[in-house]
Protein backbone atom coordinates (compact mmCIF):
# COMPACT_ATOMS: atom_id res chain seq x y z
CA MET A 1 -16.40 -70.06 4.70
CA THR A 2 -13.95 -69.80 1.82
CA ARG A 3 -10.19 -69.46 2.19
CA ASN A 4 -7.76 -68.18 -0.41
CA LYS A 5 -4.84 -70.49 -1.10
CA CYS A 6 -1.64 -69.42 -2.81
CA SER A 7 1.03 -71.72 -4.15
CA ARG A 8 4.30 -70.98 -5.88
CA ILE A 9 4.88 -73.09 -8.98
CA ASP A 10 8.62 -73.05 -9.55
CA ARG A 11 9.32 -76.61 -10.72
CA ILE A 12 9.48 -78.02 -14.24
CA PHE A 13 9.91 -81.48 -15.74
CA VAL A 14 12.99 -81.95 -17.93
CA SER A 15 14.05 -85.14 -19.69
CA TRP A 16 17.62 -86.45 -19.61
CA ASN A 17 17.80 -86.16 -23.40
CA PHE A 18 17.19 -82.43 -23.07
CA LEU A 19 19.95 -82.05 -20.46
CA CYS A 20 22.41 -84.03 -22.55
CA GLU A 21 21.66 -81.92 -25.62
CA TRP A 22 21.74 -78.53 -23.86
CA THR A 23 23.99 -78.84 -20.81
CA ASN A 24 24.12 -75.08 -20.25
CA ALA A 25 20.34 -74.62 -20.11
CA GLU A 26 18.79 -72.95 -17.08
CA TYR A 27 15.40 -71.68 -16.04
CA ARG A 28 14.35 -68.86 -13.77
CA ALA A 29 11.16 -67.99 -11.91
CA LEU A 30 10.33 -64.37 -12.69
CA THR A 31 8.61 -62.00 -10.30
CA ARG A 32 4.83 -62.13 -10.09
CA GLU A 33 3.48 -58.69 -10.95
CA GLU A 34 0.16 -58.42 -12.77
CA SER A 35 -0.16 -62.14 -13.36
CA ASP A 36 -1.56 -64.57 -10.78
CA HIS A 37 1.43 -66.89 -11.13
CA SER A 38 5.21 -66.68 -11.40
CA PRO A 39 6.27 -66.88 -15.07
CA LEU A 40 9.04 -69.42 -15.77
CA ILE A 41 11.64 -68.75 -18.44
CA LEU A 42 13.89 -71.41 -19.94
CA LYS A 43 16.96 -70.29 -21.85
CA LEU A 44 20.49 -71.27 -22.81
CA GLU A 45 23.07 -69.36 -20.84
CA ALA A 46 26.57 -69.26 -22.30
CA ARG A 47 29.12 -68.73 -19.55
CA ASN A 48 32.73 -67.98 -20.30
CA PHE A 49 35.06 -68.57 -17.37
CA GLY A 50 38.16 -67.72 -19.39
CA PRO A 51 40.83 -70.06 -20.73
CA LYS A 52 41.02 -73.53 -19.28
CA PRO A 53 44.01 -74.24 -17.01
CA PHE A 54 46.95 -75.85 -18.77
CA ARG A 55 47.70 -79.34 -17.48
CA PHE A 56 50.96 -81.07 -18.32
CA PHE A 57 51.13 -84.86 -18.20
CA ASN A 58 54.37 -86.65 -17.39
CA SER A 59 53.77 -89.18 -20.16
CA TRP A 60 54.50 -86.44 -22.70
CA LEU A 61 58.15 -86.49 -21.63
CA SER A 62 58.50 -89.97 -23.11
CA ARG A 63 57.76 -88.54 -26.57
CA ASN A 64 60.98 -87.33 -28.18
CA VAL A 65 59.20 -84.75 -30.34
CA LEU A 66 58.22 -82.65 -27.29
CA GLU A 67 61.73 -81.27 -26.83
CA GLU A 68 61.82 -80.27 -30.49
CA VAL A 69 58.45 -78.50 -30.17
CA VAL A 70 59.66 -76.50 -27.16
CA HIS A 71 62.93 -75.47 -28.82
CA ARG A 72 61.14 -74.45 -32.01
CA ALA A 73 58.61 -72.34 -30.09
CA LEU A 74 61.29 -70.57 -28.01
CA SER A 75 63.78 -70.02 -30.82
CA GLY A 76 61.69 -67.30 -32.45
CA PHE A 77 60.56 -65.63 -29.21
CA ILE A 78 61.49 -61.97 -28.73
CA GLY A 79 60.39 -60.35 -25.48
CA ASN A 80 59.75 -56.64 -25.13
CA GLY A 81 58.41 -54.66 -22.19
CA PRO A 82 58.39 -55.26 -18.44
CA PRO A 83 59.77 -58.58 -17.18
CA ASP A 84 56.38 -59.81 -15.99
CA VAL A 85 54.84 -59.15 -19.42
CA VAL A 86 57.75 -60.91 -21.12
CA LEU A 87 57.32 -63.93 -18.83
CA MET A 88 53.57 -64.04 -19.48
CA ASN A 89 54.12 -63.94 -23.24
CA LYS A 90 56.76 -66.62 -22.91
CA PHE A 91 54.24 -68.90 -21.22
CA ARG A 92 52.26 -68.85 -24.45
CA ILE A 93 54.45 -71.74 -25.46
CA ARG A 94 51.64 -73.86 -24.04
CA LEU A 95 49.62 -73.04 -27.16
CA GLU A 96 52.21 -74.83 -29.28
CA ILE A 97 52.24 -77.76 -26.87
CA VAL A 98 48.44 -78.02 -26.98
CA LYS A 99 48.52 -77.94 -30.78
CA TRP A 100 51.19 -80.65 -30.80
CA LYS A 101 49.13 -82.71 -28.33
CA GLN A 102 46.02 -82.56 -30.52
CA GLU A 103 48.04 -83.73 -33.52
CA TRP A 104 49.58 -86.79 -31.88
CA LEU A 105 46.31 -87.69 -30.17
CA LYS A 106 44.67 -87.90 -33.58
CA GLU A 107 47.62 -89.90 -34.91
CA ASP A 108 47.50 -92.30 -31.95
CA VAL A 109 43.79 -92.96 -32.47
CA GLU A 110 44.33 -93.70 -36.14
CA GLU A 111 47.36 -95.88 -35.43
CA GLU A 112 45.53 -97.85 -32.75
CA MET A 113 42.60 -98.43 -35.10
CA ASN A 114 44.90 -99.63 -37.90
CA LEU A 115 46.82 -101.95 -35.58
CA LYS A 116 43.62 -103.54 -34.30
CA GLN A 117 42.38 -104.01 -37.85
CA ASP A 118 45.65 -105.73 -38.79
CA LEU A 119 45.41 -108.05 -35.81
CA PHE A 120 41.80 -108.86 -36.62
CA HIS A 121 42.71 -109.65 -40.22
CA LEU A 122 45.63 -111.88 -39.20
CA ASP A 123 43.47 -113.69 -36.65
CA GLU A 124 41.10 -114.61 -39.46
CA LEU A 125 44.01 -115.92 -41.56
CA VAL A 126 45.17 -118.17 -38.70
CA GLU A 127 41.97 -120.18 -39.03
CA GLU A 128 42.68 -120.81 -42.74
CA ARG A 129 46.45 -121.34 -42.88
CA ASP A 130 49.72 -120.97 -41.01
CA LEU A 131 51.13 -117.48 -40.83
CA THR A 132 54.42 -116.55 -42.41
CA GLU A 133 57.37 -115.19 -40.44
CA ALA A 134 56.60 -111.69 -41.70
CA GLU A 135 52.98 -111.94 -40.58
CA GLU A 136 54.02 -113.25 -37.15
CA TRP A 137 56.44 -110.32 -36.87
CA VAL A 138 53.58 -107.93 -37.69
CA ILE A 139 51.47 -109.46 -34.90
CA MET A 140 54.33 -109.14 -32.41
CA GLU A 141 55.06 -105.51 -33.29
CA ALA A 142 51.36 -104.57 -33.32
CA LYS A 143 50.83 -105.99 -29.84
CA LYS A 144 53.98 -104.25 -28.63
CA LYS A 145 52.83 -100.89 -29.99
CA LEU A 146 49.33 -101.31 -28.58
CA LYS A 147 50.83 -102.03 -25.16
CA GLU A 148 52.91 -98.84 -25.38
CA LEU A 149 49.80 -96.81 -26.18
CA ASP A 150 47.91 -98.42 -23.30
CA ASP A 151 50.79 -97.68 -20.91
CA LEU A 152 50.74 -94.00 -21.88
CA LYS A 153 47.00 -93.83 -21.29
CA ALA A 154 47.40 -95.58 -17.92
CA LYS A 155 50.02 -93.01 -16.83
CA ASP A 156 47.66 -90.15 -17.67
CA ILE A 157 44.80 -91.82 -15.78
CA ARG A 158 46.98 -92.33 -12.69
CA GLN A 159 48.10 -88.71 -12.79
CA LYS A 160 44.49 -87.52 -13.13
CA ALA A 161 43.47 -89.73 -10.20
CA ARG A 162 46.22 -88.26 -8.00
CA GLY A 163 45.05 -84.77 -8.93
CA VAL A 164 41.46 -85.55 -7.96
CA ILE A 165 42.56 -87.11 -4.66
CA ASN A 166 44.76 -84.13 -3.78
CA LYS A 167 41.95 -81.72 -4.69
CA ARG A 168 39.51 -83.56 -2.43
CA ARG A 169 42.08 -83.69 0.36
CA VAL A 170 42.57 -79.94 0.18
CA ALA A 171 38.81 -79.31 0.00
CA ASN A 172 38.18 -81.50 3.06
CA THR A 173 40.95 -79.94 5.13
CA ILE A 174 39.84 -77.85 8.11
CA PRO A 175 42.57 -75.21 8.59
CA GLY A 176 40.85 -73.67 11.61
CA LEU A 177 37.65 -73.23 13.59
CA SER A 178 35.92 -70.35 15.29
CA ILE A 179 35.38 -71.41 18.93
CA ASP A 180 33.50 -68.92 21.09
CA GLY A 181 34.50 -66.11 18.73
CA ARG A 182 38.18 -67.09 18.76
CA TRP A 183 39.92 -68.63 15.77
CA VAL A 184 41.84 -71.82 16.63
CA PHE A 185 44.43 -73.25 14.24
CA LYS A 186 46.26 -75.88 16.31
CA PRO A 187 45.38 -79.39 15.05
CA ALA A 188 44.93 -80.76 18.58
CA GLU A 189 42.36 -78.09 19.50
CA VAL A 190 40.57 -78.41 16.16
CA LYS A 191 40.25 -82.19 16.60
CA LYS A 192 39.03 -81.73 20.16
CA GLU A 193 36.32 -79.27 19.07
CA VAL A 194 35.20 -81.50 16.16
CA HIS A 195 34.99 -84.49 18.52
CA ARG A 196 32.97 -82.47 21.05
CA PHE A 197 30.60 -81.21 18.35
CA PHE A 198 29.73 -84.63 16.94
CA LYS A 199 29.62 -86.23 20.39
CA GLN A 200 27.00 -83.69 21.38
CA ARG A 201 25.01 -84.22 18.17
CA PHE A 202 24.92 -88.01 18.52
CA ALA A 203 24.30 -88.08 22.25
CA GLU A 204 21.15 -89.88 23.33
CA ASP A 205 18.69 -87.84 25.36
CA LEU A 206 16.81 -90.83 26.79
CA GLN A 207 18.41 -92.32 29.87
CA THR A 208 16.29 -95.47 29.73
CA ARG A 209 14.92 -97.01 26.57
CA PRO A 210 11.26 -98.05 26.47
CA SER A 211 10.70 -101.79 26.61
CA LEU A 212 8.48 -103.66 24.19
CA ASP A 213 6.82 -106.89 25.24
CA CYS A 214 5.98 -109.21 22.35
CA TYR A 215 4.17 -112.34 23.49
CA GLY A 216 4.18 -115.45 21.35
CA ILE A 217 7.04 -114.31 19.11
CA LYS A 218 10.21 -116.36 18.78
CA GLN A 219 13.22 -114.57 20.15
CA LEU A 220 16.80 -115.23 21.16
CA ASN A 221 17.55 -116.03 24.76
CA ASP A 222 20.29 -114.25 26.68
CA ILE A 223 22.95 -116.86 25.88
CA GLU A 224 22.18 -116.82 22.14
CA ALA A 225 22.14 -113.05 22.08
CA GLU A 226 25.49 -112.90 23.85
């Protein structure tokens, strides 16, 4: 007796190099019509979710040029139309701030690279001769500037970390539960229902556990086990 067997092939092998090169790639299993299998199509899907949200970092306030950038952007602003449209157009000041950010980020990278090169060169000179007062002053100022750059980066990292923690806290929050068709929002009742749910899931059905007799195997006595 023969039996027909059908299987759906909807899996493909993809290397990590491929995923790193084309992060927006996706594949789909098409409908099986006249063919005896489901055709698979692999393509690059470009998705546009609109402009990225503008994030302001507190470390920017320590840069004196930021105030000048804001004043320069607002000095030539002329609003026309409804108040909400005027306010929306006024918020476009963020474009100037983003442009200013990209400029000083590039400058900071170049400055950090130059300072490290200077320190490396002076470290090589120390092995050959004593440094002059001017060279020692260069080392001191370079280390001071590098520390300032590191402090600014650390502030941004701490702010990003707080944002991730707050986002997870909001995502994990349970504002309410549906209990027997009734929405409950009081924290005490929500906690009680969550405790009851997991207590029921982890309850043990067996009243008595089966015993296992192992003869000739070393085991702890009652005193050692206690």
